[in-house]
Amino acid sequence: MEFRYSGAENHIRILALSIFTVSFAFVPVIFNPPIWKLILFEIIFFSIMLSYIAIVGVSPLLTYHEVLEDGIKLRYGWYFSAFVKYANIAKVEHSDAIVPSYGVSIPMGYKKLFIVASKVGLVSIKLKETQKFKGVFNRKADEIIISVDAPDLFIEKVNEKISS
């Protein structure tokens, strides 16, 4: 069963970045540069901003976590994927953790992996043994904090799989 994160904050982020990009693109016109410099600036600027919007704005919309037969598949956008076997899960519960930043991270001094696109709908997956995660430079974590739209259903489904 797949659990997505709808990402209302990400829609707002994409809109804000798009408005900034379009409005900033007109700034060089004020200085009346030669046309070839203006065109070159616009091509470079739009290339950079569209790449940034795709990574920061669109990629989090592809975040989902999947409850499979043998474990949980965790994904954050295009650039992070991990798998946790049920045999290594000690406890799954609601979390009131303070989210350091959106995205995928293991803050210094912690052994918590954050895979979050929101500060609401947080679920804590406590592991029996620390596990390495390639997407964060092989750092180890003994707890995973994720954000999902339906945390109660996610917790219920995972607990069913763990107990069976």
Protein backbone atom coordinates (compact mmCIF):
# COMPACT_ATOMS: atom_id res chain seq x y z
CA MET A 1 0.00 0.00 0.00
CA GLU A 2 1.36 3.39 -0.98
CA PHE A 3 1.31 6.44 1.29
CA ARG A 4 1.89 9.77 -0.41
CA TYR A 5 2.47 13.24 0.82
CA SER A 6 0.31 15.75 -1.10
CA GLY A 7 2.58 18.67 -0.30
CA ALA A 8 0.51 21.85 -0.08
CA GLU A 9 3.66 23.68 1.09
CA ASN A 10 5.44 22.53 -2.07
CA HIS A 11 2.75 23.98 -4.33
CA ILE A 12 3.20 27.32 -2.59
CA ARG A 13 7.00 27.01 -2.92
CA ILE A 14 6.74 26.31 -6.67
CA LEU A 15 4.42 29.28 -7.14
CA ALA A 16 6.70 31.63 -5.18
CA LEU A 17 9.81 30.49 -7.06
CA SER A 18 8.02 30.87 -10.38
CA ILE A 19 6.85 34.40 -9.57
CA PHE A 20 10.37 35.34 -8.42
CA THR A 21 11.89 33.89 -11.59
CA VAL A 22 9.55 35.71 -13.94
CA SER A 23 9.79 39.05 -12.11
CA PHE A 24 13.59 38.91 -11.74
CA ALA A 25 13.98 38.10 -15.43
CA PHE A 26 12.91 41.64 -16.30
CA VAL A 27 15.53 43.37 -14.11
CA PRO A 28 18.30 43.41 -16.78
CA VAL A 29 15.96 45.25 -19.19
CA ILE A 30 16.16 48.30 -16.88
CA PHE A 31 19.89 48.61 -17.56
CA ASN A 32 19.42 48.50 -21.34
CA PRO A 33 22.23 46.05 -22.18
CA PRO A 34 23.10 44.92 -25.71
CA ILE A 35 20.52 42.41 -26.94
CA TRP A 36 22.99 39.51 -27.11
CA LYS A 37 23.91 40.00 -23.42
CA LEU A 38 20.24 40.15 -22.48
CA ILE A 39 19.44 36.95 -24.36
CA LEU A 40 22.48 35.18 -22.89
CA PHE A 41 21.52 36.27 -19.38
CA GLU A 42 17.92 35.12 -19.85
CA ILE A 43 18.97 31.70 -21.17
CA ILE A 44 21.42 31.10 -18.32
CA PHE A 45 19.09 32.50 -15.65
CA PHE A 46 16.05 30.50 -16.77
CA SER A 47 18.11 27.30 -17.08
CA ILE A 48 19.39 27.65 -13.53
CA MET A 49 16.00 28.60 -12.07
CA LEU A 50 14.07 25.86 -13.88
CA SER A 51 16.57 23.28 -12.62
CA TYR A 52 16.25 24.67 -9.10
CA ILE A 53 12.44 24.65 -9.26
CA ALA A 54 12.48 21.03 -10.51
CA ILE A 55 14.71 19.88 -7.64
CA VAL A 56 13.36 21.98 -4.78
CA GLY A 57 9.74 22.37 -5.84
CA VAL A 58 8.67 19.42 -7.98
CA SER A 59 10.78 16.55 -6.64
CA PRO A 60 9.20 16.60 -3.13
CA LEU A 61 5.80 16.09 -4.77
CA LEU A 62 7.04 12.62 -5.76
CA THR A 63 7.51 11.63 -2.11
CA TYR A 64 5.84 8.41 -1.05
CA HIS A 65 6.35 5.52 1.33
CA GLU A 66 5.21 2.04 0.46
CA VAL A 67 4.19 -0.75 2.84
CA LEU A 68 5.30 -3.96 1.12
CA GLU A 69 5.20 -7.63 2.13
CA ASP A 70 8.72 -7.70 3.62
CA GLY A 71 9.37 -4.09 4.59
CA ILE A 72 8.84 -0.38 4.00
CA LYS A 73 10.11 1.43 0.92
CA LEU A 74 10.87 5.07 1.68
CA ARG A 75 11.20 7.64 -1.12
CA TYR A 76 11.79 11.35 -1.26
CA GLY A 77 11.49 12.76 -4.74
CA TRP A 78 13.93 11.68 -7.41
CA TYR A 79 16.99 11.50 -5.25
CA PHE A 80 16.38 9.30 -2.19
CA SER A 81 15.21 5.73 -1.80
CA ALA A 82 15.66 3.32 1.11
CA PHE A 83 14.26 0.03 2.31
CA VAL A 84 13.65 -1.04 5.92
CA LYS A 85 12.77 -4.65 6.71
CA TYR A 86 10.04 -5.35 9.25
CA ALA A 87 12.49 -7.54 11.19
CA ASN A 88 14.48 -4.37 12.00
CA ILE A 89 11.48 -2.28 13.12
CA ALA A 90 10.97 -2.04 16.87
CA LYS A 91 8.14 0.51 17.04
CA VAL A 92 6.03 2.74 14.77
CA GLU A 93 4.18 5.67 16.32
CA HIS A 94 3.16 9.31 15.91
CA SER A 95 6.01 11.75 16.31
CA ASP A 96 6.23 15.27 17.68
CA ALA A 97 9.85 15.66 16.60
CA ILE A 98 11.17 19.07 15.72
CA VAL A 99 11.91 18.98 12.00
CA PRO A 100 15.31 20.61 11.31
CA SER A 101 14.62 21.11 7.60
CA TYR A 102 12.52 19.74 4.78
CA GLY A 103 14.02 16.99 2.69
CA VAL A 104 16.30 14.13 3.66
CA SER A 105 18.81 14.62 6.45
CA ILE A 106 20.52 13.22 9.50
CA PRO A 107 21.43 16.26 11.62
CA MET A 108 24.88 16.27 13.21
CA GLY A 109 24.87 14.63 16.62
CA TYR A 110 21.66 12.68 15.94
CA LYS A 111 20.93 9.20 14.74
CA LYS A 112 17.53 10.22 13.35
CA LEU A 113 16.90 10.14 9.63
CA PHE A 114 14.38 12.79 8.58
CA ILE A 115 12.47 12.19 5.33
CA VAL A 116 9.99 15.03 5.56
CA ALA A 117 8.14 17.34 3.24
CA SER A 118 5.98 18.80 6.04
CA LYS A 119 5.91 19.37 9.77
CA VAL A 120 2.50 17.68 10.08
CA GLY A 121 1.60 14.02 9.77
CA LEU A 122 4.92 12.90 11.26
CA VAL A 123 5.54 9.23 12.01
CA SER A 124 8.47 7.79 13.93
CA ILE A 125 9.90 4.41 12.90
CA LYS A 126 12.23 3.19 15.64
CA LEU A 127 14.72 0.54 14.52
CA LYS A 128 16.05 -2.39 16.54
CA GLU A 129 19.54 -1.92 15.08
CA THR A 130 21.11 1.09 13.41
CA GLN A 131 20.96 0.97 9.64
CA LYS A 132 23.10 2.67 6.97
CA PHE A 133 21.40 4.83 4.36
CA LYS A 134 23.16 5.44 1.05
CA GLY A 135 21.19 8.57 0.22
CA VAL A 136 22.77 10.40 3.18
CA PHE A 137 26.37 9.36 2.57
CA ASN A 138 26.08 5.98 4.36
CA ARG A 139 25.33 7.60 7.71
CA LYS A 140 23.63 5.42 10.30
CA ALA A 141 20.30 6.00 11.98
CA ASP A 142 18.30 4.19 14.64
CA GLU A 143 15.10 6.18 14.08
CA ILE A 144 13.36 7.45 10.95
CA ILE A 145 10.94 10.39 10.94
CA ILE A 146 8.66 10.59 7.89
CA SER A 147 5.70 12.75 6.87
CA VAL A 148 2.58 11.21 5.34
CA ASP A 149 -0.98 12.42 4.68
CA ALA A 150 -2.57 9.54 6.61
CA PRO A 151 -0.30 8.80 9.59
CA ASP A 152 -2.91 6.73 11.48
CA LEU A 153 -3.47 4.40 8.52
CA PHE A 154 0.28 4.10 7.88
CA ILE A 155 0.94 3.16 11.52
CA GLU A 156 -1.94 0.65 11.48
CA LYS A 157 -0.75 -1.06 8.27
CA VAL A 158 2.89 -1.29 9.40
CA ASN A 159 1.91 -2.64 12.83
CA GLU A 160 -0.27 -5.28 11.11
CA LYS A 161 2.72 -6.38 9.02
CA ILE A 162 5.08 -6.42 12.00
CA SER A 163 2.70 -8.54 14.13
CA SER A 164 1.98 -11.06 11.35
